[in-house]
Amino acid sequence: IIKRLDTSMNIPTMPPAAKFPDTGEPVGEYVGELLGVMVGLDVGLVVGSLDGIVVGFSVGIVVGFSVGLVVGLAVGFIVGLFVGLVVGSEVGLLVGFFVGLVVGS
């Protein structure tokens, strides 16, 4: 009965999958894997490079700002120290000179 139903309904069947003659592996699986790898690689490169740009940019801003602050403070301190010493010694000489004149006289 089942055999007669199958033949009477005339359901088209899929042709057998193409296989490699040497390995017997289905061609469709092989092509599908290759396509999957290529598409995955392209998408991964695009998404990864975008993420890399965003993260690198953020980290660069933070690190650059921090380094700039530290270097700026250090340079400012050193320059300020030398300027303070020079100006202080000049002012000290002048003040000392006048005080010495007044007191001495």
N, C-alpha and C. Protein backbone atom coordinates (compact mmCIF):
# COMPACT_ATOMS: atom_id res chain seq x y z
N ILE A 1 0.84 -1.20 0.00
CA ILE A 1 0.00 0.00 0.00
C ILE A 1 0.88 1.25 0.00
N ILE A 2 1.88 1.27 0.86
CA ILE A 2 2.75 2.45 0.95
C ILE A 2 3.46 2.68 -0.38
N LYS A 3 3.89 1.60 -1.00
CA LYS A 3 4.57 1.73 -2.29
C LYS A 3 3.63 2.33 -3.33
N ARG A 4 2.41 1.90 -3.34
CA ARG A 4 1.45 2.40 -4.31
C ARG A 4 1.15 3.88 -4.04
N LEU A 5 1.07 4.32 -2.78
CA LEU A 5 0.81 5.73 -2.45
C LEU A 5 1.97 6.60 -2.95
N ASP A 6 3.19 6.11 -2.73
CA ASP A 6 4.35 6.89 -3.16
C ASP A 6 4.35 7.09 -4.67
N THR A 7 4.09 6.06 -5.40
CA THR A 7 4.13 6.18 -6.86
C THR A 7 2.93 6.93 -7.38
N SER A 8 1.81 6.83 -6.70
CA SER A 8 0.62 7.51 -7.21
C SER A 8 0.70 9.02 -6.95
N MET A 9 1.35 9.45 -5.85
CA MET A 9 1.44 10.88 -5.54
C MET A 9 2.49 11.56 -6.41
N ASN A 10 3.44 10.82 -6.94
CA ASN A 10 4.45 11.34 -7.84
C ASN A 10 5.23 12.51 -7.20
N ILE A 11 5.74 12.31 -6.00
CA ILE A 11 6.50 13.34 -5.28
C ILE A 11 7.91 13.37 -5.87
N PRO A 12 8.37 14.55 -6.32
CA PRO A 12 9.74 14.60 -6.86
C PRO A 12 10.75 14.43 -5.73
N THR A 13 11.75 13.67 -5.98
CA THR A 13 12.79 13.48 -4.97
C THR A 13 14.02 14.29 -5.37
N MET A 14 14.80 14.67 -4.35
CA MET A 14 16.01 15.45 -4.60
C MET A 14 17.05 14.54 -5.24
N PRO A 15 17.80 15.08 -6.18
CA PRO A 15 18.87 14.26 -6.75
C PRO A 15 19.94 13.99 -5.69
N PRO A 16 20.67 12.94 -5.82
CA PRO A 16 21.70 12.66 -4.82
C PRO A 16 22.75 13.76 -4.82
N ALA A 17 23.26 14.06 -3.62
CA ALA A 17 24.24 15.14 -3.47
C ALA A 17 25.51 14.79 -4.22
N ALA A 18 26.08 15.84 -4.86
CA ALA A 18 27.35 15.63 -5.58
C ALA A 18 28.45 15.39 -4.56
N LYS A 19 29.29 14.39 -4.84
CA LYS A 19 30.36 14.04 -3.91
C LYS A 19 31.68 14.03 -4.65
N PHE A 20 32.74 14.32 -3.88
CA PHE A 20 34.07 14.20 -4.46
C PHE A 20 34.36 12.73 -4.71
N PRO A 21 34.88 12.41 -5.89
CA PRO A 21 35.10 10.99 -6.19
C PRO A 21 36.17 10.34 -5.32
N ASP A 22 37.17 11.10 -4.91
CA ASP A 22 38.26 10.47 -4.14
C ASP A 22 37.93 10.32 -2.66
N THR A 23 37.27 11.35 -2.06
CA THR A 23 37.00 11.28 -0.61
C THR A 23 35.57 10.88 -0.30
N GLY A 24 34.64 11.14 -1.22
CA GLY A 24 33.24 10.84 -0.95
C GLY A 24 32.56 11.93 -0.14
N GLU A 25 33.27 13.02 0.13
CA GLU A 25 32.68 14.13 0.90
C GLU A 25 31.73 14.91 0.00
N PRO A 26 30.58 15.33 0.53
CA PRO A 26 29.64 16.10 -0.29
C PRO A 26 30.23 17.45 -0.71
N VAL A 27 30.04 17.79 -1.97
CA VAL A 27 30.57 19.05 -2.51
C VAL A 27 29.88 20.24 -1.82
N GLY A 28 28.58 20.12 -1.57
CA GLY A 28 27.83 21.22 -0.96
C GLY A 28 28.39 21.62 0.39
N GLU A 29 28.74 20.64 1.20
CA GLU A 29 29.30 20.96 2.52
C GLU A 29 30.62 21.71 2.38
N TYR A 30 31.45 21.24 1.45
CA TYR A 30 32.76 21.85 1.24
C TYR A 30 32.61 23.31 0.79
N VAL A 31 31.72 23.53 -0.20
CA VAL A 31 31.49 24.90 -0.69
C VAL A 31 30.89 25.76 0.40
N GLY A 32 29.96 25.20 1.16
CA GLY A 32 29.34 25.95 2.26
C GLY A 32 30.35 26.36 3.32
N GLU A 33 31.26 25.46 3.65
CA GLU A 33 32.29 25.79 4.63
C GLU A 33 33.19 26.90 4.11
N LEU A 34 33.58 26.81 2.84
CA LEU A 34 34.44 27.85 2.26
C LEU A 34 33.74 29.21 2.27
N LEU A 35 32.47 29.23 1.86
CA LEU A 35 31.73 30.49 1.86
C LEU A 35 31.59 31.04 3.28
N GLY A 36 31.30 30.15 4.21
CA GLY A 36 31.18 30.58 5.60
C GLY A 36 32.46 31.18 6.13
N VAL A 37 33.58 30.56 5.79
CA VAL A 37 34.87 31.09 6.25
C VAL A 37 35.14 32.44 5.62
N MET A 38 34.87 32.58 4.32
CA MET A 38 35.15 33.86 3.64
C MET A 38 34.26 34.98 4.18
N VAL A 39 32.96 34.70 4.33
CA VAL A 39 32.05 35.73 4.84
C VAL A 39 32.41 36.07 6.28
N GLY A 40 32.68 35.05 7.09
CA GLY A 40 33.05 35.29 8.48
C GLY A 40 34.33 36.10 8.60
N LEU A 41 35.27 35.82 7.72
CA LEU A 41 36.54 36.56 7.74
C LEU A 41 36.31 38.02 7.40
N ASP A 42 35.51 38.28 6.36
CA ASP A 42 35.23 39.67 5.96
C ASP A 42 34.51 40.42 7.08
N VAL A 43 33.46 39.82 7.62
CA VAL A 43 32.70 40.48 8.68
C VAL A 43 33.59 40.69 9.91
N GLY A 44 34.38 39.67 10.24
CA GLY A 44 35.28 39.79 11.40
C GLY A 44 36.30 40.90 11.23
N LEU A 45 36.84 41.03 10.01
CA LEU A 45 37.82 42.09 9.76
C LEU A 45 37.18 43.47 9.91
N VAL A 46 35.99 43.64 9.35
CA VAL A 46 35.33 44.95 9.42
C VAL A 46 34.98 45.29 10.86
N VAL A 47 34.31 44.37 11.54
CA VAL A 47 33.88 44.63 12.92
C VAL A 47 35.10 44.79 13.83
N GLY A 48 36.09 43.91 13.64
CA GLY A 48 37.29 43.99 14.48
C GLY A 48 38.05 45.28 14.27
N SER A 49 38.16 45.74 13.02
CA SER A 49 38.90 46.97 12.80
C SER A 49 38.14 48.17 13.34
N LEU A 50 36.81 48.16 13.23
CA LEU A 50 36.02 49.25 13.81
C LEU A 50 36.18 49.28 15.32
N ASP A 51 36.05 48.12 15.95
CA ASP A 51 36.25 48.05 17.40
C ASP A 51 37.65 48.50 17.77
N GLY A 52 38.63 48.05 16.99
CA GLY A 52 40.02 48.44 17.27
C GLY A 52 40.22 49.94 17.18
N ILE A 53 39.60 50.58 16.18
CA ILE A 53 39.73 52.03 16.04
C ILE A 53 39.11 52.74 17.23
N VAL A 54 37.91 52.32 17.63
CA VAL A 54 37.23 52.97 18.75
C VAL A 54 38.02 52.81 20.04
N VAL A 55 38.44 51.57 20.32
CA VAL A 55 39.18 51.32 21.56
C VAL A 55 40.53 52.03 21.54
N GLY A 56 41.24 51.94 20.39
CA GLY A 56 42.54 52.59 20.29
C GLY A 56 42.43 54.09 20.45
N PHE A 57 41.39 54.68 19.87
CA PHE A 57 41.20 56.12 19.97
C PHE A 57 40.95 56.52 21.42
N SER A 58 40.07 55.77 22.09
CA SER A 58 39.75 56.08 23.49
C SER A 58 40.98 55.94 24.38
N VAL A 59 41.69 54.82 24.21
CA VAL A 59 42.88 54.59 25.04
C VAL A 59 43.94 55.66 24.74
N GLY A 60 44.08 56.02 23.45
CA GLY A 60 45.05 57.05 23.08
C GLY A 60 44.75 58.39 23.73
N ILE A 61 43.47 58.76 23.78
CA ILE A 61 43.10 60.04 24.41
C ILE A 61 43.45 60.00 25.90
N VAL A 62 43.07 58.92 26.57
CA VAL A 62 43.31 58.83 28.02
C VAL A 62 44.81 58.83 28.32
N VAL A 63 45.56 57.98 27.58
CA VAL A 63 47.00 57.89 27.84
C VAL A 63 47.68 59.21 27.49
N GLY A 64 47.32 59.77 26.33
CA GLY A 64 47.94 61.04 25.92
C GLY A 64 47.65 62.15 26.91
N PHE A 65 46.43 62.22 27.40
CA PHE A 65 46.08 63.25 28.37
C PHE A 65 46.87 63.06 29.66
N SER A 66 46.94 61.82 30.13
CA SER A 66 47.67 61.55 31.38
C SER A 66 49.15 61.87 31.23
N VAL A 67 49.75 61.40 30.13
CA VAL A 67 51.17 61.68 29.91
C VAL A 67 51.40 63.18 29.78
N GLY A 68 50.50 63.86 29.06
CA GLY A 68 50.62 65.31 28.90
C GLY A 68 50.56 66.04 30.23
N LEU A 69 49.66 65.60 31.11
CA LEU A 69 49.56 66.23 32.42
C LEU A 69 50.84 66.03 33.24
N VAL A 70 51.33 64.80 33.24
CA VAL A 70 52.52 64.49 34.04
C VAL A 70 53.73 65.27 33.51
N VAL A 71 53.92 65.21 32.18
CA VAL A 71 55.06 65.92 31.59
C VAL A 71 54.91 67.41 31.79
N GLY A 72 53.70 67.92 31.59
CA GLY A 72 53.46 69.36 31.77
C GLY A 72 53.74 69.80 33.20
N LEU A 73 53.29 69.01 34.16
CA LEU A 73 53.55 69.36 35.56
C LEU A 73 55.05 69.33 35.87
N ALA A 74 55.72 68.30 35.37
CA ALA A 74 57.16 68.18 35.63
C ALA A 74 57.93 69.34 35.01
N VAL A 75 57.64 69.63 33.74
CA VAL A 75 58.34 70.73 33.06
C VAL A 75 58.00 72.05 33.73
N GLY A 76 56.71 72.24 34.05
CA GLY A 76 56.30 73.48 34.72
C GLY A 76 57.00 73.66 36.06
N PHE A 77 57.13 72.57 36.80
CA PHE A 77 57.80 72.64 38.11
C PHE A 77 59.27 73.03 37.94
N ILE A 78 59.94 72.37 36.98
CA ILE A 78 61.37 72.63 36.78
C ILE A 78 61.60 74.07 36.30
N VAL A 79 60.81 74.47 35.29
CA VAL A 79 60.95 75.84 34.78
C VAL A 79 60.62 76.85 35.86
N GLY A 80 59.53 76.59 36.58
CA GLY A 80 59.14 77.50 37.67
C GLY A 80 60.20 77.59 38.75
N LEU A 81 60.84 76.46 39.03
CA LEU A 81 61.89 76.46 40.05
C LEU A 81 63.05 77.36 39.63
N PHE A 82 63.49 77.19 38.37
CA PHE A 82 64.62 77.99 37.90
C PHE A 82 64.26 79.47 37.79
N VAL A 83 63.05 79.75 37.26
CA VAL A 83 62.62 81.15 37.16
C VAL A 83 62.51 81.75 38.56
N GLY A 84 61.94 80.97 39.48
CA GLY A 84 61.81 81.46 40.85
C GLY A 84 63.17 81.73 41.49
N LEU A 85 64.13 80.85 41.23
CA LEU A 85 65.47 81.05 41.78
C LEU A 85 66.11 82.31 41.21
N VAL A 86 66.01 82.48 39.90
CA VAL A 86 66.63 83.65 39.26
C VAL A 86 65.97 84.93 39.72
N VAL A 87 64.62 84.96 39.63
CA VAL A 87 63.90 86.17 40.03
C VAL A 87 64.10 86.43 41.52
N GLY A 88 64.01 85.35 42.29
CA GLY A 88 64.17 85.50 43.74
C GLY A 88 65.55 86.05 44.11
N SER A 89 66.56 85.56 43.45
CA SER A 89 67.91 86.04 43.79
C SER A 89 68.09 87.49 43.34
N GLU A 90 67.52 87.86 42.19
CA GLU A 90 67.61 89.27 41.75
C GLU A 90 66.89 90.19 42.73
N VAL A 91 65.64 89.80 43.07
CA VAL A 91 64.87 90.61 44.00
C VAL A 91 65.58 90.65 45.36
N GLY A 92 66.11 89.49 45.75
CA GLY A 92 66.82 89.44 47.04
C GLY A 92 68.03 90.37 47.04
N LEU A 93 68.76 90.42 45.92
CA LEU A 93 69.90 91.33 45.82
C LEU A 93 69.47 92.78 45.94
N LEU A 94 68.41 93.14 45.21
CA LEU A 94 67.95 94.53 45.24
C LEU A 94 67.45 94.91 46.64
N VAL A 95 66.59 94.05 47.18
CA VAL A 95 66.04 94.34 48.51
C VAL A 95 67.17 94.40 49.54
N GLY A 96 68.05 93.41 49.46
CA GLY A 96 69.18 93.39 50.41
C GLY A 96 70.06 94.64 50.28
N PHE A 97 70.24 95.07 49.04
CA PHE A 97 71.07 96.26 48.80
C PHE A 97 70.46 97.49 49.45
N PHE A 98 69.13 97.70 49.18
CA PHE A 98 68.47 98.86 49.73
C PHE A 98 68.35 98.78 51.25
N VAL A 99 68.03 97.59 51.74
CA VAL A 99 67.95 97.45 53.21
C VAL A 99 69.33 97.70 53.83
N GLY A 100 70.35 97.16 53.15
CA GLY A 100 71.72 97.42 53.67
C GLY A 100 72.08 98.88 53.65
N LEU A 101 71.68 99.64 52.63
CA LEU A 101 71.93 101.07 52.55
C LEU A 101 71.23 101.81 53.66
N VAL A 102 69.94 101.46 53.84
CA VAL A 102 69.15 102.17 54.87
C VAL A 102 69.68 101.86 56.24
N VAL A 103 69.87 100.56 56.49
CA VAL A 103 70.33 100.18 57.83
C VAL A 103 71.75 100.69 58.06
N GLY A 104 72.54 100.56 57.00
CA GLY A 104 73.95 100.96 57.14
C GLY A 104 74.08 102.47 57.35
N SER A 105 73.18 103.24 56.71
CA SER A 105 73.28 104.68 56.86
C SER A 105 72.68 105.09 58.21
